[in-house]
Amino acid sequence: MDQVTITTMSTKEKAIAAINQLPDDSDMADIFREIAFITGTDQAREEIARGEGMDATEAKAQLREWISE
């Protein structure tokens, strides 16, 4: 799926597409992880659109702080 397709799909369509791309032997944990990943990236996109995201420099600084704790 490309970026345009992903952003124009409904939540249900995204979930179905994600499940359909998983191997046939995937278990429920695999499905939940994939849906959680999609949910997280959707939330991140929404935060960025609202101006709540951080740039790479800020992210690196925050990561360094977390690692040093």
PDB file of N, CA and C in Angstrom:
ATOM      1  N   MET A   1       0.846  -1.181   0.000  1.00  0.00           N
ATOM      2  CA  MET A   1       0.000   0.000   0.000  1.00  0.00           C
ATOM      3  C   MET A   1       0.886   1.238   0.000  1.00  0.00           C
ATOM      4  N   ASP A   2       0.519   2.205  -0.808  1.00  0.00           N
ATOM      5  CA  ASP A   2       1.290   3.442  -0.806  1.00  0.00           C
ATOM      6  C   ASP A   2       0.663   4.448   0.154  1.00  0.00           C
ATOM      7  N   GLN A   3       1.365   5.564   0.396  1.00  0.00           N
ATOM      8  CA  GLN A   3       0.919   6.567   1.362  1.00  0.00           C
ATOM      9  C   GLN A   3      -0.476   7.105   1.030  1.00  0.00           C
ATOM     10  N   VAL A   4      -0.748   7.387  -0.226  1.00  0.00           N
ATOM     11  CA  VAL A   4      -2.044   7.933  -0.615  1.00  0.00           C
ATOM     12  C   VAL A   4      -3.151   6.941  -0.298  1.00  0.00           C
ATOM     13  N   THR A   5      -2.932   5.687  -0.616  1.00  0.00           N
ATOM     14  CA  THR A   5      -3.928   4.660  -0.351  1.00  0.00           C
ATOM     15  C   THR A   5      -4.202   4.539   1.135  1.00  0.00           C
ATOM     16  N   ILE A   6      -3.152   4.516   1.950  1.00  0.00           N
ATOM     17  CA  ILE A   6      -3.308   4.341   3.387  1.00  0.00           C
ATOM     18  C   ILE A   6      -4.110   5.481   3.999  1.00  0.00           C
ATOM     19  N   THR A   7      -3.829   6.709   3.609  1.00  0.00           N
ATOM     20  CA  THR A   7      -4.499   7.851   4.233  1.00  0.00           C
ATOM     21  C   THR A   7      -5.948   8.006   3.791  1.00  0.00           C
ATOM     22  N   THR A   8      -6.333   7.410   2.683  1.00  0.00           N
ATOM     23  CA  THR A   8      -7.717   7.533   2.222  1.00  0.00           C
ATOM     24  C   THR A   8      -8.581   6.334   2.617  1.00  0.00           C
ATOM     25  N   MET A   9      -7.993   5.340   3.233  1.00  0.00           N
ATOM     26  CA  MET A   9      -8.743   4.153   3.643  1.00  0.00           C
ATOM     27  C   MET A   9      -9.415   4.392   4.988  1.00  0.00           C
ATOM     28  N   SER A  10     -10.574   3.753   5.190  1.00  0.00           N
ATOM     29  CA  SER A  10     -11.216   3.798   6.503  1.00  0.00           C
ATOM     30  C   SER A  10     -10.405   2.931   7.465  1.00  0.00           C
ATOM     31  N   THR A  11     -10.670   3.092   8.734  1.00  0.00           N
ATOM     32  CA  THR A  11      -9.977   2.291   9.748  1.00  0.00           C
ATOM     33  C   THR A  11     -10.213   0.805   9.506  1.00  0.00           C
ATOM     34  N   LYS A  12     -11.434   0.445   9.200  1.00  0.00           N
ATOM     35  CA  LYS A  12     -11.767  -0.961   8.936  1.00  0.00           C
ATOM     36  C   LYS A  12     -11.002  -1.466   7.723  1.00  0.00           C
ATOM     37  N   GLU A  13     -10.931  -0.660   6.668  1.00  0.00           N
ATOM     38  CA  GLU A  13     -10.206  -1.063   5.462  1.00  0.00           C
ATOM     39  C   GLU A  13      -8.717  -1.246   5.756  1.00  0.00           C
ATOM     40  N   LYS A  14      -8.145  -0.362   6.578  1.00  0.00           N
ATOM     41  CA  LYS A  14      -6.725  -0.496   6.952  1.00  0.00           C
ATOM     42  C   LYS A  14      -6.485  -1.798   7.702  1.00  0.00           C
ATOM     43  N   ALA A  15      -7.383  -2.121   8.644  1.00  0.00           N
ATOM     44  CA  ALA A  15      -7.229  -3.347   9.426  1.00  0.00           C
ATOM     45  C   ALA A  15      -7.329  -4.580   8.535  1.00  0.00           C
ATOM     46  N   ILE A  16      -8.296  -4.591   7.654  1.00  0.00           N
ATOM     47  CA  ILE A  16      -8.480  -5.737   6.747  1.00  0.00           C
ATOM     48  C   ILE A  16      -7.276  -5.881   5.823  1.00  0.00           C
ATOM     49  N   ALA A  17      -6.798  -4.761   5.278  1.00  0.00           N
ATOM     50  CA  ALA A  17      -5.631  -4.810   4.389  1.00  0.00           C
ATOM     51  C   ALA A  17      -4.402  -5.324   5.133  1.00  0.00           C
ATOM     52  N   ALA A  18      -4.223  -4.870   6.379  1.00  0.00           N
ATOM     53  CA  ALA A  18      -3.081  -5.321   7.173  1.00  0.00           C
ATOM     54  C   ALA A  18      -3.160  -6.822   7.440  1.00  0.00           C
ATOM     55  N   ILE A  19      -4.330  -7.295   7.808  1.00  0.00           N
ATOM     56  CA  ILE A  19      -4.515  -8.723   8.072  1.00  0.00           C
ATOM     57  C   ILE A  19      -4.278  -9.536   6.800  1.00  0.00           C
ATOM     58  N   ASN A  20      -4.777  -9.057   5.679  1.00  0.00           N
ATOM     59  CA  ASN A  20      -4.617  -9.782   4.414  1.00  0.00           C
ATOM     60  C   ASN A  20      -3.157  -9.869   3.981  1.00  0.00           C
ATOM     61  N   GLN A  21      -2.326  -8.933   4.414  1.00  0.00           N
ATOM     62  CA  GLN A  21      -0.907  -8.964   4.035  1.00  0.00           C
ATOM     63  C   GLN A  21      -0.074  -9.892   4.925  1.00  0.00           C
ATOM     64  N   LEU A  22      -0.626 -10.312   6.050  1.00  0.00           N
ATOM     65  CA  LEU A  22       0.105 -11.215   6.949  1.00  0.00           C
ATOM     66  C   LEU A  22       0.124 -12.634   6.378  1.00  0.00           C
ATOM     67  N   PRO A  23       1.135 -13.411   6.748  1.00  0.00           N
ATOM     68  CA  PRO A  23       1.167 -14.808   6.304  1.00  0.00           C
ATOM     69  C   PRO A  23      -0.050 -15.583   6.827  1.00  0.00           C
ATOM     70  N   ASP A  24      -0.439 -16.612   6.129  1.00  0.00           N
ATOM     71  CA  ASP A  24      -1.611 -17.401   6.511  1.00  0.00           C
ATOM     72  C   ASP A  24      -1.477 -18.043   7.887  1.00  0.00           C
ATOM     73  N   ASP A  25      -0.249 -18.291   8.330  1.00  0.00           N
ATOM     74  CA  ASP A  25      -0.067 -18.947   9.627  1.00  0.00           C
ATOM     75  C   ASP A  25       0.073 -17.943  10.774  1.00  0.00           C
ATOM     76  N   SER A  26      -0.272 -16.676  10.539  1.00  0.00           N
ATOM     77  CA  SER A  26      -0.204 -15.661  11.593  1.00  0.00           C
ATOM     78  C   SER A  26      -1.211 -15.974  12.686  1.00  0.00           C
ATOM     79  N   ASP A  27      -0.802 -15.710  13.923  1.00  0.00           N
ATOM     80  CA  ASP A  27      -1.737 -15.917  15.030  1.00  0.00           C
ATOM     81  C   ASP A  27      -2.334 -14.574  15.453  1.00  0.00           C
ATOM     82  N   MET A  28      -3.203 -14.608  16.446  1.00  0.00           N
ATOM     83  CA  MET A  28      -3.876 -13.388  16.889  1.00  0.00           C
ATOM     84  C   MET A  28      -2.883 -12.344  17.397  1.00  0.00           C
ATOM     85  N   ALA A  29      -1.810 -12.789  18.034  1.00  0.00           N
ATOM     86  CA  ALA A  29      -0.810 -11.848  18.531  1.00  0.00           C
ATOM     87  C   ALA A  29      -0.178 -11.078  17.364  1.00  0.00           C
ATOM     88  N   ASP A  30       0.086 -11.764  16.256  1.00  0.00           N
ATOM     89  CA  ASP A  30       0.625 -11.100  15.061  1.00  0.00           C
ATOM     90  C   ASP A  30      -0.355 -10.043  14.545  1.00  0.00           C
ATOM     91  N   ILE A  31      -1.618 -10.413  14.513  1.00  0.00           N
ATOM     92  CA  ILE A  31      -2.646  -9.497  14.031  1.00  0.00           C
ATOM     93  C   ILE A  31      -2.757  -8.287  14.952  1.00  0.00           C
ATOM     94  N   PHE A  32      -2.769  -8.520  16.270  1.00  0.00           N
ATOM     95  CA  PHE A  32      -2.864  -7.414  17.220  1.00  0.00           C
ATOM     96  C   PHE A  32      -1.663  -6.484  17.108  1.00  0.00           C
ATOM     97  N   ARG A  33      -0.465  -7.056  16.940  1.00  0.00           N
ATOM     98  CA  ARG A  33       0.746  -6.227  16.794  1.00  0.00           C
ATOM     99  C   ARG A  33       0.655  -5.349  15.556  1.00  0.00           C
ATOM    100  N   GLU A  34       0.196  -5.916  14.464  1.00  0.00           N
ATOM    101  CA  GLU A  34       0.085  -5.161  13.220  1.00  0.00           C
ATOM    102  C   GLU A  34      -0.925  -4.021  13.356  1.00  0.00           C
ATOM    103  N   ILE A  35      -2.062  -4.312  13.954  1.00  0.00           N
ATOM    104  CA  ILE A  35      -3.084  -3.283  14.142  1.00  0.00           C
ATOM    105  C   ILE A  35      -2.590  -2.219  15.126  1.00  0.00           C
ATOM    106  N   ALA A  36      -1.885  -2.624  16.172  1.00  0.00           N
ATOM    107  CA  ALA A  36      -1.327  -1.657  17.129  1.00  0.00           C
ATOM    108  C   ALA A  36      -0.317  -0.748  16.443  1.00  0.00           C
ATOM    109  N   PHE A  37       0.494  -1.312  15.555  1.00  0.00           N
ATOM    110  CA  PHE A  37       1.466  -0.514  14.811  1.00  0.00           C
ATOM    111  C   PHE A  37       0.759   0.525  13.936  1.00  0.00           C
ATOM    112  N   ILE A  38      -0.258   0.099  13.220  1.00  0.00           N
ATOM    113  CA  ILE A  38      -1.012   1.014  12.360  1.00  0.00           C
ATOM    114  C   ILE A  38      -1.674   2.103  13.199  1.00  0.00           C
ATOM    115  N   THR A  39      -2.248   1.718  14.328  1.00  0.00           N
ATOM    116  CA  THR A  39      -2.877   2.686  15.214  1.00  0.00           C
ATOM    117  C   THR A  39      -1.858   3.724  15.685  1.00  0.00           C
ATOM    118  N   GLY A  40      -0.684   3.263  16.075  1.00  0.00           N
ATOM    119  CA  GLY A  40       0.362   4.178  16.539  1.00  0.00           C
ATOM    120  C   GLY A  40       0.817   5.141  15.457  1.00  0.00           C
ATOM    121  N   THR A  41       0.987   4.639  14.241  1.00  0.00           N
ATOM    122  CA  THR A  41       1.425   5.531  13.165  1.00  0.00           C
ATOM    123  C   THR A  41       0.323   6.511  12.783  1.00  0.00           C
ATOM    124  N   ASP A  42      -0.935   6.083  12.833  1.00  0.00           N
ATOM    125  CA  ASP A  42      -2.051   7.004  12.569  1.00  0.00           C
ATOM    126  C   ASP A  42      -2.093   8.110  13.626  1.00  0.00           C
ATOM    127  N   GLN A  43      -1.920   7.731  14.893  1.00  0.00           N
ATOM    128  CA  GLN A  43      -1.924   8.723  15.966  1.00  0.00           C
ATOM    129  C   GLN A  43      -0.758   9.697  15.805  1.00  0.00           C
ATOM    130  N   ALA A  44       0.399   9.184  15.417  1.00  0.00           N
ATOM    131  CA  ALA A  44       1.565  10.049  15.212  1.00  0.00           C
ATOM    132  C   ALA A  44       1.307  11.041  14.079  1.00  0.00           C
ATOM    133  N   ARG A  45       0.714  10.579  12.995  1.00  0.00           N
ATOM    134  CA  ARG A  45       0.383  11.482  11.878  1.00  0.00           C
ATOM    135  C   ARG A  45      -0.574  12.587  12.327  1.00  0.00           C
ATOM    136  N   GLU A  46      -1.558  12.212  13.147  1.00  0.00           N
ATOM    137  CA  GLU A  46      -2.514  13.203  13.643  1.00  0.00           C
ATOM    138  C   GLU A  46      -1.823  14.228  14.542  1.00  0.00           C
ATOM    139  N   GLU A  47      -0.908  13.771  15.401  1.00  0.00           N
ATOM    140  CA  GLU A  47      -0.162  14.684  16.272  1.00  0.00           C
ATOM    141  C   GLU A  47       0.683  15.646  15.447  1.00  0.00           C
ATOM    142  N   ILE A  48       1.335  15.130  14.433  1.00  0.00           N
ATOM    143  CA  ILE A  48       2.168  15.978  13.573  1.00  0.00           C
ATOM    144  C   ILE A  48       1.299  17.006  12.861  1.00  0.00           C
ATOM    145  N   ALA A  49       0.134  16.591  12.382  1.00  0.00           N
ATOM    146  CA  ALA A  49      -0.771  17.512  11.696  1.00  0.00           C
ATOM    147  C   ALA A  49      -1.228  18.633  12.620  1.00  0.00           C
ATOM    148  N   ARG A  50      -1.322  18.329  13.927  1.00  0.00           N
ATOM    149  CA  ARG A  50      -1.725  19.349  14.900  1.00  0.00           C
ATOM    150  C   ARG A  50      -0.525  20.169  15.388  1.00  0.00           C
ATOM    151  N   GLY A  51       0.665  19.868  14.870  1.00  0.00           N
ATOM    152  CA  GLY A  51       1.863  20.594  15.289  1.00  0.00           C
ATOM    153  C   GLY A  51       2.435  20.113  16.604  1.00  0.00           C
ATOM    154  N   GLU A  52       2.076  18.916  17.028  1.00  0.00           N
ATOM    155  CA  GLU A  52       2.529  18.378  18.312  1.00  0.00           C
ATOM    156  C   GLU A  52       3.758  17.483  18.203  1.00  0.00           C
ATOM    157  N   GLY A  53       4.219  17.230  16.999  1.00  0.00           N
ATOM    158  CA  GLY A  53       5.363  16.348  16.816  1.00  0.00           C
ATOM    159  C   GLY A  53       6.667  17.044  17.147  1.00  0.00           C
ATOM    160  N   MET A  54       7.747  16.294  17.095  1.00  0.00           N
ATOM    161  CA  MET A  54       9.065  16.876  17.306  1.00  0.00           C
ATOM    162  C   MET A  54       9.955  16.532  16.120  1.00  0.00           C
ATOM    163  N   ASP A  55      10.898  17.422  15.840  1.00  0.00           N
ATOM    164  CA  ASP A  55      11.795  17.157  14.718  1.00  0.00           C
ATOM    165  C   ASP A  55      12.871  16.156  15.147  1.00  0.00           C
ATOM    166  N   ALA A  56      13.690  15.744  14.197  1.00  0.00           N
ATOM    167  CA  ALA A  56      14.699  14.707  14.450  1.00  0.00           C
ATOM    168  C   ALA A  56      15.679  15.127  15.539  1.00  0.00           C
ATOM    169  N   THR A  57      16.065  16.393  15.559  1.00  0.00           N
ATOM    170  CA  THR A  57      17.015  16.872  16.572  1.00  0.00           C
ATOM    171  C   THR A  57      16.414  16.742  17.967  1.00  0.00           C
ATOM    172  N   GLU A  58      15.166  17.136  18.112  1.00  0.00           N
ATOM    173  CA  GLU A  58      14.486  17.017  19.402  1.00  0.00           C
ATOM    174  C   GLU A  58      14.337  15.547  19.801  1.00  0.00           C
ATOM    175  N   ALA A  59      14.004  14.708  18.842  1.00  0.00           N
ATOM    176  CA  ALA A  59      13.831  13.283  19.124  1.00  0.00           C
ATOM    177  C   ALA A  59      15.133  12.653  19.585  1.00  0.00           C
ATOM    178  N   LYS A  60      16.230  13.010  18.937  1.00  0.00           N
ATOM    179  CA  LYS A  60      17.541  12.474  19.340  1.00  0.00           C
ATOM    180  C   LYS A  60      17.895  12.914  20.748  1.00  0.00           C
ATOM    181  N   ALA A  61      17.637  14.177  21.063  1.00  0.00           N
ATOM    182  CA  ALA A  61      17.923  14.685  22.405  1.00  0.00           C
ATOM    183  C   ALA A  61      17.083  13.952  23.447  1.00  0.00           C
ATOM    184  N   GLN A  62      15.811  13.746  23.138  1.00  0.00           N
ATOM    185  CA  GLN A  62      14.926  13.033  24.060  1.00  0.00           C
ATOM    186  C   GLN A  62      15.389  11.596  24.244  1.00  0.00           C
ATOM    187  N   LEU A  63      15.786  10.948  23.170  1.00  0.00           N
ATOM    188  CA  LEU A  63      16.272   9.574  23.251  1.00  0.00           C
ATOM    189  C   LEU A  63      17.525   9.487  24.112  1.00  0.00           C
ATOM    190  N   ARG A  64      18.451  10.422  23.911  1.00  0.00           N
ATOM    191  CA  ARG A  64      19.668  10.439  24.741  1.00  0.00           C
ATOM    192  C   ARG A  64      19.313  10.579  26.216  1.00  0.00           C
ATOM    193  N   GLU A  65      18.341  11.425  26.509  1.00  0.00           N
ATOM    194  CA  GLU A  65      17.912  11.630  27.895  1.00  0.00           C
ATOM    195  C   GLU A  65      17.331  10.343  28.471  1.00  0.00           C
ATOM    196  N   TRP A  66      16.483   9.671  27.694  1.00  0.00           N
ATOM    197  CA  TRP A  66      15.879   8.425  28.175  1.00  0.00           C
ATOM    198  C   TRP A  66      16.937   7.356  28.412  1.00  0.00           C
ATOM    199  N   ILE A  67      17.903   7.261  27.517  1.00  0.00           N
ATOM    200  CA  ILE A  67      18.934   6.230  27.629  1.00  0.00           C
ATOM    201  C   ILE A  67      19.806   6.472  28.850  1.00  0.00           C
ATOM    202  N   SER A  68      20.074   7.730  29.170  1.00  0.00           N
ATOM    203  CA  SER A  68      20.971   8.036  30.289  1.00  0.00           C
ATOM    204  C   SER A  68      20.307   7.874  31.651  1.00  0.00           C
ATOM    205  N   GLU A  69      18.988   7.727  31.671  1.00  0.00           N
ATOM    206  CA  GLU A  69      18.279   7.573  32.961  1.00  0.00           C
ATOM    207  C   GLU A  69      18.478   6.207  33.554  1.00  0.00           C
TER     208      GLU A  69
END
